[in-house]
N, C-alpha and C. Protein backbone atom coordinates (compact mmCIF):
# COMPACT_ATOMS: atom_id res chain seq x y z
N MET A 1 118.32 3.20 69.82
CA MET A 1 117.09 2.16 69.31
C MET A 1 116.26 2.09 70.47
N CYS A 2 115.44 1.14 69.49
CA CYS A 2 114.77 0.54 71.33
C CYS A 2 114.40 -0.75 71.05
N LEU A 3 113.81 -1.07 72.22
CA LEU A 3 113.91 -2.47 72.44
C LEU A 3 112.84 -3.05 73.06
N ALA A 4 111.37 -3.34 72.36
CA ALA A 4 110.61 -3.97 72.63
C ALA A 4 110.73 -5.26 73.49
N ILE A 5 110.34 -5.29 74.48
CA ILE A 5 109.94 -7.26 74.00
C ILE A 5 108.01 -7.96 74.92
N PRO A 6 108.74 -8.68 73.70
CA PRO A 6 107.54 -9.42 74.32
C PRO A 6 106.81 -10.46 75.45
N SER A 7 106.02 -9.93 75.77
CA SER A 7 104.80 -9.81 76.66
C SER A 7 103.78 -10.71 77.64
N LYS A 8 103.27 -11.51 78.02
CA LYS A 8 102.56 -12.38 78.30
C LYS A 8 101.70 -11.18 79.42
N VAL A 9 100.25 -11.32 78.84
CA VAL A 9 99.61 -10.12 80.10
C VAL A 9 98.66 -11.05 80.28
N ILE A 10 98.91 -11.53 81.85
CA ILE A 10 98.36 -11.83 83.04
C ILE A 10 96.86 -11.38 84.03
N ASP A 11 97.37 -10.16 83.37
CA ASP A 11 95.56 -9.37 84.50
C ASP A 11 95.99 -8.33 83.65
N ILE A 12 94.37 -7.63 84.14
CA ILE A 12 94.52 -6.27 83.73
C ILE A 12 93.52 -6.33 84.75
N ASN A 13 94.09 -4.16 85.11
CA ASN A 13 92.69 -3.71 86.12
C ASN A 13 92.24 -2.01 84.99
N LYS A 14 91.11 -2.34 84.43
CA LYS A 14 90.20 -1.83 83.94
C LYS A 14 90.53 -0.05 84.71
N ASP A 15 90.61 -0.73 86.82
CA ASP A 15 90.31 0.83 86.37
C ASP A 15 91.37 2.60 87.09
N THR A 16 92.82 1.42 86.60
CA THR A 16 93.76 1.82 86.84
C THR A 16 94.35 2.13 85.94
N ASN A 17 93.73 1.53 84.80
CA ASN A 17 93.95 1.12 83.20
C ASN A 17 95.03 0.56 83.27
N MET A 18 96.03 -0.83 83.39
CA MET A 18 97.13 -1.10 83.16
C MET A 18 97.08 -2.74 83.91
N ALA A 19 98.37 -3.05 83.73
CA ALA A 19 98.26 -4.98 82.90
C ALA A 19 98.95 -5.16 83.59
N LEU A 20 99.44 -6.16 84.45
CA LEU A 20 99.93 -7.72 84.44
C LEU A 20 100.69 -7.97 83.79
N VAL A 21 102.09 -8.25 83.23
CA VAL A 21 102.38 -9.02 82.43
C VAL A 21 103.73 -9.81 83.00
N ASP A 22 104.66 -10.88 82.10
CA ASP A 22 104.58 -11.19 82.07
C ASP A 22 106.06 -11.37 80.95
N THR A 23 107.50 -11.43 81.99
CA THR A 23 108.15 -10.27 80.59
C THR A 23 109.60 -12.57 81.05
N MET A 24 109.55 -12.45 80.05
CA MET A 24 110.66 -14.46 80.62
C MET A 24 110.33 -14.19 82.08
N GLY A 25 109.75 -14.31 82.30
CA GLY A 25 109.48 -15.90 83.84
C GLY A 25 109.70 -14.02 84.66
N VAL A 26 109.56 -12.18 84.03
CA VAL A 26 109.75 -11.44 86.05
C VAL A 26 108.42 -10.80 85.33
N ARG A 27 107.77 -10.96 86.29
CA ARG A 27 106.31 -9.95 86.28
C ARG A 27 106.29 -8.71 86.37
N ARG A 28 105.83 -7.47 86.47
CA ARG A 28 105.99 -6.97 86.31
C ARG A 28 104.14 -6.34 86.06
N GLU A 29 103.86 -4.45 86.11
CA GLU A 29 103.27 -3.86 85.83
C GLU A 29 103.03 -2.62 84.77
N ALA A 30 102.67 -2.68 84.33
CA ALA A 30 102.99 -2.08 83.02
C ALA A 30 101.61 -0.83 82.39
N SER A 31 101.74 0.62 82.15
CA SER A 31 100.32 0.97 81.89
C SER A 31 100.16 0.73 80.55
N LEU A 32 98.49 1.06 80.25
CA LEU A 32 97.92 0.41 78.68
C LEU A 32 97.35 1.60 77.94
N ASP A 33 98.26 2.62 78.07
CA ASP A 33 97.55 4.15 78.30
C ASP A 33 98.13 4.55 76.22
N LEU A 34 98.64 3.48 75.80
CA LEU A 34 98.41 3.78 74.70
C LEU A 34 97.89 3.12 73.67
N MET A 35 97.99 1.68 74.16
CA MET A 35 97.42 0.98 73.64
C MET A 35 95.03 1.05 73.11
N ARG A 36 94.72 1.39 72.59
CA ARG A 36 93.83 1.27 71.57
C ARG A 36 93.16 -0.07 71.59
N ASP A 37 93.16 -0.98 71.37
CA ASP A 37 93.13 -2.17 71.55
C ASP A 37 92.25 -2.90 72.21
N ASP A 38 92.14 -3.19 72.74
CA ASP A 38 90.80 -4.11 74.15
C ASP A 38 91.87 -4.77 73.87
N LEU A 39 92.93 -6.33 75.23
CA LEU A 39 93.21 -6.41 75.04
C LEU A 39 92.13 -7.56 76.14
N GLN A 40 93.67 -9.08 76.38
CA GLN A 40 92.54 -9.49 77.14
C GLN A 40 93.37 -10.79 78.16
N ILE A 41 93.22 -11.57 78.77
CA ILE A 41 94.24 -12.12 79.91
C ILE A 41 94.47 -13.46 79.14
N GLY A 42 95.82 -13.13 78.88
CA GLY A 42 96.66 -14.44 77.69
C GLY A 42 97.15 -13.47 76.54
N ASP A 43 96.87 -12.98 76.01
CA ASP A 43 97.11 -11.71 75.07
C ASP A 43 98.77 -11.19 74.74
N PHE A 44 100.00 -11.49 74.00
CA PHE A 44 101.47 -11.81 73.96
C PHE A 44 101.39 -10.02 73.44
N VAL A 45 101.92 -9.18 73.96
CA VAL A 45 102.20 -7.59 73.29
C VAL A 45 103.21 -7.01 74.14
N LEU A 46 103.91 -6.90 72.76
CA LEU A 46 104.81 -6.10 73.19
C LEU A 46 105.06 -4.67 73.69
N LEU A 47 106.23 -4.75 75.26
CA LEU A 47 105.93 -4.31 77.02
C LEU A 47 107.68 -3.00 76.17
N HIS A 48 107.85 -1.88 76.21
CA HIS A 48 109.12 -0.66 76.09
C HIS A 48 108.74 -0.44 76.96
N ILE A 49 109.56 0.07 77.45
CA ILE A 49 109.66 1.32 79.51
C ILE A 49 108.40 1.68 80.12
N GLY A 50 107.92 0.34 79.94
CA GLY A 50 107.07 0.45 81.43
C GLY A 50 104.92 0.47 81.02
N TYR A 51 105.42 0.27 79.05
CA TYR A 51 104.07 0.87 78.78
C TYR A 51 104.70 -0.42 77.52
N VAL A 52 102.96 -0.65 77.04
CA VAL A 52 102.50 -2.46 76.03
C VAL A 52 101.73 -1.45 75.42
N MET A 53 102.96 -1.19 74.21
CA MET A 53 102.61 -0.59 72.58
C MET A 53 101.74 -1.56 71.11
N SER A 54 102.05 -2.96 71.94
CA SER A 54 100.52 -2.71 70.66
C SER A 54 101.11 -4.84 70.62
N ARG A 55 99.40 -5.72 70.34
CA ARG A 55 99.93 -6.62 70.93
C ARG A 55 100.25 -8.12 69.69
N ILE A 56 100.30 -8.60 69.73
CA ILE A 56 101.62 -9.51 68.62
C ILE A 56 100.61 -10.83 68.37
N ASP A 57 100.89 -12.38 68.20
CA ASP A 57 100.50 -13.39 67.74
C ASP A 57 101.37 -13.94 68.42
N GLU A 58 101.07 -14.95 69.02
CA GLU A 58 101.82 -16.14 70.37
C GLU A 58 102.97 -16.81 69.72
N GLU A 59 102.49 -16.38 68.24
CA GLU A 59 103.97 -17.85 67.35
C GLU A 59 105.20 -16.31 67.39
N SER A 60 105.40 -15.90 67.32
CA SER A 60 106.02 -14.03 67.12
C SER A 60 106.45 -14.06 67.99
N ALA A 61 105.56 -13.14 69.33
CA ALA A 61 106.10 -13.95 70.92
C ALA A 61 106.68 -14.52 71.14
N LYS A 62 106.78 -16.33 70.91
CA LYS A 62 107.25 -17.30 71.10
C LYS A 62 109.08 -17.21 70.66
N GLU A 63 108.78 -17.12 68.88
CA GLU A 63 110.51 -17.31 68.75
C GLU A 63 111.80 -15.88 68.80
N SER A 64 110.57 -14.05 68.93
CA SER A 64 110.89 -13.78 69.61
C SER A 64 112.17 -13.55 70.93
N LEU A 65 111.53 -14.07 72.31
CA LEU A 65 111.46 -14.90 72.82
C LEU A 65 112.86 -15.71 73.29
N LYS A 66 113.12 -16.82 72.18
CA LYS A 66 113.79 -17.62 72.63
C LYS A 66 115.62 -17.22 71.75
N ILE A 67 114.72 -16.62 71.02
CA ILE A 67 116.03 -14.96 69.98
C ILE A 67 116.91 -14.54 71.47
N TYR A 68 116.21 -14.05 72.86
CA TYR A 68 116.62 -13.14 73.35
C TYR A 68 117.35 -13.99 74.78
N ASP A 69 116.63 -16.15 74.75
CA ASP A 69 117.07 -16.57 75.81
C ASP A 69 118.11 -17.29 75.14
N GLU A 70 118.55 -17.10 73.93
CA GLU A 70 120.31 -17.42 73.60
C GLU A 70 120.85 -16.46 73.72
N ILE A 71 120.55 -15.06 73.06
CA ILE A 71 121.27 -13.63 72.93
C ILE A 71 121.51 -13.67 75.01
N ILE A 72 120.16 -14.22 75.97
CA ILE A 72 121.27 -14.49 77.36
C ILE A 72 122.16 -15.37 77.06
N LYS A 73 122.31 -16.29 77.19
CA LYS A 73 122.49 -17.66 77.43
C LYS A 73 124.55 -17.45 76.59
N ASP A 74 123.54 -16.45 75.30
CA ASP A 74 125.21 -16.60 74.12
C ASP A 74 126.24 -15.81 75.71
N MET A 75 125.86 -14.07 76.49
CA MET A 75 126.05 -13.50 76.98
C MET A 75 126.69 -13.84 78.30
N GLU A 76 126.15 -14.37 78.72
CA GLU A 76 126.65 -15.75 79.96
C GLU A 76 127.80 -16.24 79.91
N ASP A 77 127.34 -16.68 78.55
CA ASP A 77 129.01 -17.81 78.36
C ASP A 77 130.09 -16.54 77.91
N GLU A 78 129.77 -15.74 78.11
CA GLU A 78 131.80 -15.23 77.94
C GLU A 78 132.12 -15.24 78.63
């Protein structure tokens, strides 16, 4: 099973084809090598093993992040 995490694009470096993304409060660099769409700062994307896989709409991203947050809280309670 693969897990792609919704992340928000914070910065884009066109020279290195990398984006700085925020994933649940953690910032990291991610490759844009698999993206064909032109991303903008503020876009939400799906991140998987260091690669941006696709753009997603903000509503879907926030819904998914809410579910991830609930799962994490449930795991901490156990």
